[in-house]
Amino acid sequence: MKTILLTILIFGILINLHELGHFFFAKLFGVRVEEFSFGMGPLIYGKKRGETQYSIRLFPIGGFVSMMGEEEESQDARAFCNRPSWQRFLILFAGAAMNILLGLVLLGYTTSQMNLLGTNVVARLSEGAASAAYLQPGDRIVKVNGYNTPGYNDVVFQLIRDEDGVVDLTVLRGGDLSMTRWERAMAGFGIGEKNPGERVALTVPFQMEDAGDGLRVLKIDFIFLGAEKTVGNAVYYTFQQTVSTVKQVWYSLVDIITGRFGLSQLSGPVGTATVIQEASHQGFRSLVTLVAYITINVGVFNLLPFPALDGGRIFFLLAGVVFRRPIPQKYEAYLNAAGMVLLLFFVGMVTFSDVMKLVGK
């Protein structure tokens, strides 16, 4: 029961924060907001202040902002459909931005609790490591299978993402490990006195291990170097970790679309609740880290150019700007309704898969 309540609380906060982003920018630009609702379904309580009704509805997961001219044509100058394109873009984008911003703040908190910050530098090779014949302590891993890996999280994600255990790495070898990323960038233009190291291309075999659900992942057989924490590198690490997480969501979506990951590797509400339960047992910091990843996922997912999502509406908006002719709202409404049906069907399939996993345990 505690897990269910905690999951509802987390998603309630994340979704309503998302809607608060839409609400704030709509008010900022003078758009008439008809209703701001916490929750979905039947109305429990509502109070009108000014022109906006503030509501609490029965189901706590969800929420919405209803703006004049959002779903229908209107001649009112304050209607959403009649505001300048750049204002409508910011209103639509603000929800996802709020989720990603929350993720940044939460990751900032977890970074502040760390003693050492992860880097993309090899500290030492584990005993019997398959990669020991190729990697050396002090190697800075800057590319994995062609993907840039500026930080620890990027390296780990791209290594785990590898399918066959044979990885193309690009490392900087023999360089000054005290160099900042800015100094290494300047060194590429011949500016500065420190040596970033020689760029070496390697093809490194790793062992693969079973991760469950028929998925095999690469075994990382070396230890990363930890950097002493300062205010400056803690701030940089937080931003880098946030950007890395955003990229990971996009890469994961591509992997799903291309069939690299199947339905069994996805988690819906039930699976997420299970992960939240496990994280809460591991401690507050683990839970905060998980919530940070979830809220960034929510923000990035909402920016997908798919009907019913903010990204889909942004796509229609930008298409109208490019072709200098807005898409009729009735057609956009039909596409959004169809998109919502498909999304609900997809969530239902993933939820069913989650339940089957639990039953099979």
Protein backbone atom coordinates (compact mmCIF):
# COMPACT_ATOMS: atom_id res chain seq x y z
CA MET A 1 0.00 0.00 0.00
CA LYS A 2 2.88 2.36 0.83
CA THR A 3 4.38 1.70 -2.61
CA ILE A 4 1.09 2.51 -4.34
CA LEU A 5 0.69 5.76 -2.40
CA LEU A 6 4.33 6.73 -3.02
CA THR A 7 3.97 6.04 -6.75
CA ILE A 8 0.76 8.09 -6.95
CA LEU A 9 2.43 10.93 -5.03
CA ILE A 10 5.50 10.95 -7.29
CA PHE A 11 3.57 10.86 -10.55
CA GLY A 12 1.02 13.33 -9.21
CA ILE A 13 3.79 15.82 -8.46
CA LEU A 14 5.58 15.27 -11.78
CA ILE A 15 2.48 15.57 -13.95
CA ASN A 16 1.07 18.58 -12.14
CA LEU A 17 4.47 20.29 -12.25
CA HIS A 18 4.37 19.69 -16.01
CA GLU A 19 0.94 21.29 -16.23
CA LEU A 20 2.10 24.15 -14.00
CA GLY A 21 4.68 24.99 -16.68
CA HIS A 22 1.91 25.33 -19.29
CA PHE A 23 -0.22 27.31 -16.84
CA PHE A 24 2.52 29.77 -15.87
CA PHE A 25 3.46 30.67 -19.43
CA ALA A 26 -0.16 30.84 -20.54
CA LYS A 27 -0.83 33.38 -17.78
CA LEU A 28 2.42 35.19 -18.58
CA PHE A 29 1.35 35.73 -22.18
CA GLY A 30 -2.22 36.70 -21.31
CA VAL A 31 -3.93 33.54 -22.58
CA ARG A 32 -7.32 32.94 -20.97
CA VAL A 33 -7.03 29.79 -18.82
CA GLU A 34 -10.44 28.22 -18.23
CA GLU A 35 -9.37 25.57 -15.73
CA PHE A 36 -6.32 24.26 -13.90
CA SER A 37 -7.00 20.78 -12.55
CA PHE A 38 -5.12 18.58 -10.10
CA GLY A 39 -6.12 15.06 -11.06
CA MET A 40 -8.43 13.64 -13.69
CA GLY A 41 -11.99 12.35 -13.78
CA PRO A 42 -15.05 13.52 -11.82
CA LEU A 43 -14.80 16.88 -10.03
CA ILE A 44 -14.39 16.70 -6.24
CA TYR A 45 -13.82 20.36 -5.51
CA GLY A 46 -13.59 23.47 -7.63
CA LYS A 47 -13.19 27.17 -6.90
CA LYS A 48 -13.13 29.98 -9.41
CA ARG A 49 -10.65 32.80 -8.91
CA GLY A 50 -10.86 35.45 -11.56
CA GLU A 51 -11.44 33.79 -14.91
CA THR A 52 -9.86 30.44 -13.96
CA GLN A 53 -11.41 27.53 -12.11
CA TYR A 54 -8.99 25.60 -9.89
CA SER A 55 -10.14 22.00 -9.51
CA ILE A 56 -9.35 18.82 -7.63
CA ARG A 57 -10.55 15.70 -9.42
CA LEU A 58 -11.04 12.12 -8.30
CA PHE A 59 -7.99 10.38 -9.81
CA PRO A 60 -4.77 11.89 -8.43
CA ILE A 61 -2.49 10.73 -11.27
CA GLY A 62 -2.79 13.36 -13.96
CA GLY A 63 -3.94 16.90 -14.36
CA PHE A 64 -4.60 19.40 -17.10
CA VAL A 65 -4.72 23.04 -18.13
CA SER A 66 -7.67 24.06 -20.27
CA MET A 67 -7.07 27.19 -22.35
CA MET A 68 -9.52 29.09 -24.51
CA GLY A 69 -8.92 28.35 -28.18
CA GLU A 70 -6.80 25.31 -27.46
CA GLU A 71 -9.12 22.74 -29.02
CA GLU A 72 -11.54 24.95 -30.94
CA GLU A 73 -11.56 28.07 -33.07
CA SER A 74 -12.09 31.38 -31.26
CA GLN A 75 -12.19 35.02 -32.28
CA ASP A 76 -11.05 36.20 -28.84
CA ALA A 77 -7.63 37.88 -28.97
CA ARG A 78 -6.69 36.12 -25.71
CA ALA A 79 -7.42 32.65 -27.09
CA PHE A 80 -4.46 30.30 -27.37
CA CYS A 81 -4.99 29.84 -31.11
CA ASN A 82 -4.68 33.61 -31.68
CA ARG A 83 -1.44 34.18 -29.80
CA PRO A 84 1.85 34.61 -31.72
CA SER A 85 3.54 31.35 -32.74
CA TRP A 86 6.54 31.91 -30.46
CA GLN A 87 4.27 32.32 -27.45
CA ARG A 88 2.33 29.15 -28.27
CA PHE A 89 5.62 27.30 -28.70
CA LEU A 90 6.87 28.40 -25.27
CA ILE A 91 3.55 27.51 -23.62
CA LEU A 92 3.68 24.00 -25.13
CA PHE A 93 7.39 23.54 -24.42
CA ALA A 94 7.19 24.78 -20.82
CA GLY A 95 5.67 21.58 -19.44
CA ALA A 96 8.56 19.38 -20.55
CA ALA A 97 11.04 22.08 -19.54
CA MET A 98 9.66 22.03 -15.98
CA ASN A 99 10.15 18.24 -15.76
CA ILE A 100 13.72 18.44 -17.03
CA LEU A 101 14.46 21.37 -14.72
CA LEU A 102 13.21 19.35 -11.74
CA GLY A 103 15.48 16.50 -12.85
CA LEU A 104 18.41 18.95 -12.90
CA VAL A 105 17.62 20.13 -9.36
CA LEU A 106 17.25 16.58 -8.02
CA LEU A 107 20.50 15.46 -9.66
CA GLY A 108 22.14 18.51 -8.13
CA TYR A 109 21.04 17.27 -4.72
CA THR A 110 22.36 13.74 -5.31
CA THR A 111 25.66 15.17 -6.61
CA SER A 112 26.01 17.22 -3.43
CA GLN A 113 25.81 13.97 -1.42
CA MET A 114 28.62 12.25 -3.33
CA ASN A 115 32.18 12.06 -2.03
CA LEU A 116 33.77 11.53 -5.45
CA LEU A 117 32.42 12.37 -8.91
CA GLY A 118 32.56 9.81 -11.68
CA THR A 119 34.78 10.51 -14.70
CA ASN A 120 35.39 8.87 -18.07
CA VAL A 121 38.94 7.93 -17.03
CA VAL A 122 40.08 4.35 -16.33
CA ALA A 123 41.54 4.12 -12.81
CA ARG A 124 42.48 0.43 -12.82
CA LEU A 125 41.60 -2.84 -14.48
CA SER A 126 39.84 -5.57 -12.51
CA GLU A 127 41.66 -8.85 -11.93
CA GLY A 128 41.30 -11.09 -14.97
CA ALA A 129 39.70 -8.30 -17.00
CA ALA A 130 39.20 -9.12 -20.68
CA SER A 131 39.95 -5.50 -21.54
CA ALA A 132 43.30 -5.47 -19.67
CA ALA A 133 45.22 -6.26 -22.88
CA TYR A 134 43.86 -3.10 -24.49
CA LEU A 135 43.07 -0.43 -21.87
CA GLN A 136 45.56 1.21 -19.52
CA PRO A 137 45.09 3.13 -16.25
CA GLY A 138 44.76 6.81 -17.11
CA ASP A 139 43.00 6.24 -20.46
CA ARG A 140 40.24 8.78 -20.97
CA ILE A 141 37.38 7.18 -22.95
CA VAL A 142 36.05 9.87 -25.30
CA LYS A 143 34.09 7.68 -27.74
CA VAL A 144 32.24 4.37 -27.51
CA ASN A 145 31.09 2.80 -30.80
CA GLY A 146 31.29 6.21 -32.44
CA TYR A 147 29.26 8.04 -29.77
CA ASN A 148 30.89 10.90 -27.88
CA THR A 149 31.25 10.11 -24.18
CA PRO A 150 32.24 13.30 -22.33
CA GLY A 151 31.36 11.90 -18.91
CA TYR A 152 31.04 8.81 -16.75
CA ASN A 153 27.32 8.29 -17.39
CA ASP A 154 27.79 8.45 -21.17
CA VAL A 155 30.50 5.78 -21.10
CA VAL A 156 28.50 3.41 -18.91
CA PHE A 157 25.31 3.80 -20.95
CA GLN A 158 27.00 3.23 -24.32
CA LEU A 159 28.92 0.22 -23.01
CA ILE A 160 25.76 -1.38 -21.60
CA ARG A 161 23.97 -0.56 -24.86
CA ASP A 162 26.48 -2.60 -26.88
CA GLU A 163 25.05 -5.83 -28.27
CA ASP A 164 27.97 -8.19 -28.97
CA GLY A 165 30.65 -7.26 -26.41
CA VAL A 166 33.16 -6.11 -29.05
CA VAL A 167 33.43 -2.35 -28.59
CA ASP A 168 35.16 0.32 -30.63
CA LEU A 169 36.74 2.78 -28.19
CA THR A 170 38.61 6.02 -28.70
CA VAL A 171 40.79 6.99 -25.76
CA LEU A 172 43.15 9.83 -24.89
CA ARG A 173 46.30 8.19 -23.57
CA GLY A 174 49.21 9.76 -21.70
CA GLY A 175 47.47 13.06 -21.12
CA ASP A 176 47.31 15.37 -18.12
CA LEU A 177 44.35 14.12 -16.06
CA SER A 178 44.03 17.48 -14.30
CA MET A 179 42.84 19.13 -17.53
CA THR A 180 39.29 20.42 -17.60
CA ARG A 181 37.02 19.75 -20.57
CA TRP A 182 37.47 23.39 -21.62
CA GLU A 183 41.25 23.02 -21.53
CA ARG A 184 41.03 19.85 -23.63
CA ALA A 185 38.82 21.66 -26.14
CA MET A 186 41.30 24.54 -26.35
CA ALA A 187 44.16 22.06 -26.75
CA GLY A 188 42.44 20.85 -29.91
CA PHE A 189 43.12 24.33 -31.36
CA GLY A 190 46.71 24.31 -30.10
CA ILE A 191 45.92 26.63 -27.19
CA GLY A 192 47.35 25.87 -23.74
CA GLU A 193 50.42 24.18 -22.35
CA LYS A 194 48.90 20.97 -20.93
CA ASN A 195 48.94 17.74 -22.94
CA PRO A 196 45.45 16.20 -23.51
CA GLY A 197 47.04 12.91 -24.59
CA GLU A 198 47.39 10.90 -27.76
CA ARG A 199 44.15 9.81 -29.44
CA VAL A 200 44.15 6.01 -29.74
CA ALA A 201 41.53 3.85 -31.48
CA LEU A 202 40.90 0.43 -29.91
CA THR A 203 38.64 -2.54 -30.57
CA VAL A 204 38.11 -4.11 -27.16
CA PRO A 205 36.38 -7.44 -26.37
CA PHE A 206 34.35 -7.62 -23.16
CA GLN A 207 32.53 -10.47 -21.48
CA MET A 208 28.73 -10.54 -21.68
CA GLU A 209 26.46 -11.47 -18.76
CA ASP A 210 22.79 -12.31 -18.32
CA ALA A 211 20.66 -9.36 -17.12
CA GLY A 212 17.34 -11.24 -17.04
CA ASP A 213 14.35 -11.23 -19.41
CA GLY A 214 16.57 -12.81 -22.05
CA LEU A 215 18.76 -9.72 -22.18
CA ARG A 216 22.55 -9.98 -22.19
CA VAL A 217 24.64 -6.94 -21.34
CA LEU A 218 28.31 -6.11 -21.41
CA LYS A 219 30.29 -6.60 -18.19
CA ILE A 220 32.35 -3.51 -17.37
CA ASP A 221 35.61 -4.96 -16.04
CA PHE A 222 37.47 -1.81 -15.03
CA ILE A 223 37.13 0.85 -12.35
CA PHE A 224 36.48 4.50 -13.21
CA LEU A 225 38.56 7.26 -11.66
CA GLY A 226 36.74 9.37 -9.08
CA ALA A 227 37.39 13.12 -8.99
CA GLU A 228 37.50 15.15 -5.80
CA LYS A 229 34.36 17.27 -5.53
CA THR A 230 34.50 21.05 -5.78
CA VAL A 231 31.68 23.55 -6.29
CA GLY A 232 32.70 24.07 -9.90
CA ASN A 233 32.97 20.47 -11.00
CA ALA A 234 29.85 19.50 -9.00
CA VAL A 235 27.80 22.04 -10.97
CA TYR A 236 29.36 20.85 -14.23
CA TYR A 237 28.78 17.18 -13.30
CA THR A 238 25.10 17.91 -12.55
CA PHE A 239 24.53 19.58 -15.92
CA GLN A 240 26.48 16.86 -17.71
CA GLN A 241 24.47 14.13 -15.98
CA THR A 242 21.20 15.85 -16.93
CA VAL A 243 22.21 16.22 -20.59
CA SER A 244 23.43 12.62 -20.60
CA THR A 245 20.08 11.40 -19.24
CA VAL A 246 18.20 13.36 -21.93
CA LYS A 247 20.36 11.73 -24.61
CA GLN A 248 19.85 8.29 -23.05
CA VAL A 249 16.08 8.67 -23.31
CA TRP A 250 16.36 9.48 -27.04
CA TYR A 251 18.78 6.60 -27.68
CA SER A 252 16.48 4.21 -25.79
CA LEU A 253 13.48 5.33 -27.83
CA VAL A 254 15.44 4.70 -31.03
CA ASP A 255 16.38 1.24 -29.72
CA ILE A 256 12.70 0.47 -29.06
CA ILE A 257 11.62 1.67 -32.50
CA THR A 258 14.37 -0.30 -34.25
CA GLY A 259 13.55 -3.44 -32.29
CA ARG A 260 16.76 -3.66 -30.26
CA PHE A 261 14.65 -3.77 -27.09
CA GLY A 262 11.37 -5.68 -26.91
CA LEU A 263 8.22 -5.17 -24.89
CA SER A 264 9.63 -7.24 -22.02
CA GLN A 265 12.36 -4.63 -21.44
CA LEU A 266 9.85 -1.78 -21.02
CA SER A 267 8.15 -0.77 -17.77
CA GLY A 268 4.72 0.74 -17.37
CA PRO A 269 3.00 1.99 -14.21
CA VAL A 270 3.19 -1.40 -12.49
CA GLY A 271 6.85 -1.96 -13.33
CA THR A 272 7.73 1.60 -12.33
CA ALA A 273 5.99 1.13 -8.98
CA THR A 274 8.14 -1.96 -8.38
CA VAL A 275 11.32 -0.02 -9.17
CA ILE A 276 10.19 2.83 -6.88
CA GLN A 277 9.67 0.32 -4.08
CA GLU A 278 13.17 -1.09 -4.56
CA ALA A 279 14.73 2.40 -4.67
CA SER A 280 12.89 3.51 -1.51
CA HIS A 281 14.34 0.49 0.35
CA GLN A 282 17.84 1.46 -0.76
CA GLY A 283 17.59 4.91 0.80
CA PHE A 284 16.46 8.46 0.17
CA ARG A 285 19.28 9.29 -2.26
CA SER A 286 18.47 6.30 -4.45
CA LEU A 287 14.81 7.32 -4.52
CA VAL A 288 15.67 10.93 -5.43
CA THR A 289 17.96 9.71 -8.24
CA LEU A 290 15.20 7.50 -9.61
CA VAL A 291 12.65 10.34 -9.48
CA ALA A 292 15.15 12.56 -11.34
CA TYR A 293 15.43 9.98 -14.12
CA ILE A 294 11.64 9.51 -14.24
CA THR A 295 10.88 13.24 -14.50
CA ILE A 296 13.48 13.71 -17.25
CA ASN A 297 11.95 10.74 -19.08
CA VAL A 298 8.50 12.32 -18.76
CA GLY A 299 9.79 15.63 -20.10
CA VAL A 300 11.66 14.16 -23.08
CA PHE A 301 8.87 11.70 -23.94
CA ASN A 302 6.37 14.57 -24.05
CA LEU A 303 8.49 16.29 -26.70
CA LEU A 304 8.17 13.40 -29.15
CA PRO A 305 6.46 14.57 -32.38
CA PHE A 306 3.49 12.28 -31.79
CA PRO A 307 -0.18 13.36 -31.74
CA ALA A 308 -1.62 13.90 -28.24
CA LEU A 309 1.83 14.78 -26.86
CA ASP A 310 3.22 18.31 -26.52
CA GLY A 311 5.80 17.42 -29.16
CA GLY A 312 3.04 16.55 -31.62
CA ARG A 313 1.33 19.86 -31.03
CA ILE A 314 4.65 21.67 -31.42
CA PHE A 315 5.13 19.80 -34.70
CA PHE A 316 1.73 20.99 -35.98
CA LEU A 317 2.57 24.52 -34.86
CA LEU A 318 5.94 24.54 -36.63
CA ALA A 319 4.41 22.98 -39.76
CA GLY A 320 1.91 25.86 -39.84
CA VAL A 321 4.77 28.35 -39.53
CA VAL A 322 6.82 26.72 -42.30
CA PHE A 323 3.90 26.44 -44.73
CA ARG A 324 2.44 29.76 -43.60
CA ARG A 325 -0.92 28.14 -43.17
CA PRO A 326 -2.06 26.73 -39.83
CA ILE A 327 -3.43 23.21 -39.74
CA PRO A 328 -7.22 23.41 -39.12
CA GLN A 329 -7.87 22.70 -35.46
CA LYS A 330 -10.56 20.13 -36.15
CA TYR A 331 -8.06 17.96 -38.03
CA GLU A 332 -5.45 18.44 -35.33
CA ALA A 333 -8.08 17.44 -32.74
CA TYR A 334 -8.86 14.23 -34.70
CA LEU A 335 -5.16 13.33 -34.88
CA ASN A 336 -4.66 14.07 -31.18
CA ALA A 337 -7.63 11.86 -30.29
CA ALA A 338 -6.26 9.02 -32.44
CA GLY A 339 -2.83 9.50 -30.86
CA MET A 340 -4.30 9.30 -27.38
CA VAL A 341 -6.04 6.02 -28.22
CA LEU A 342 -2.76 4.55 -29.50
CA LEU A 343 -0.90 5.75 -26.40
CA LEU A 344 -3.48 4.22 -24.07
CA PHE A 345 -3.30 0.97 -26.01
CA PHE A 346 0.50 0.97 -25.74
CA VAL A 347 0.39 1.70 -21.98
CA GLY A 348 -2.12 -1.13 -21.60
CA MET A 349 0.19 -3.57 -23.40
CA VAL A 350 3.20 -2.58 -21.28
CA THR A 351 1.14 -2.79 -18.09
CA PHE A 352 -0.04 -6.28 -19.05
CA SER A 353 3.61 -7.24 -19.62
CA ASP A 354 4.49 -5.86 -16.16
CA VAL A 355 1.74 -7.92 -14.54
CA MET A 356 2.88 -11.08 -16.34
CA LYS A 357 6.43 -10.53 -15.05
CA LEU A 358 5.12 -10.27 -11.47
CA VAL A 359 2.93 -13.33 -11.84
CA GLY A 360 5.85 -15.28 -13.25
CA LYS A 361 8.09 -14.54 -10.27
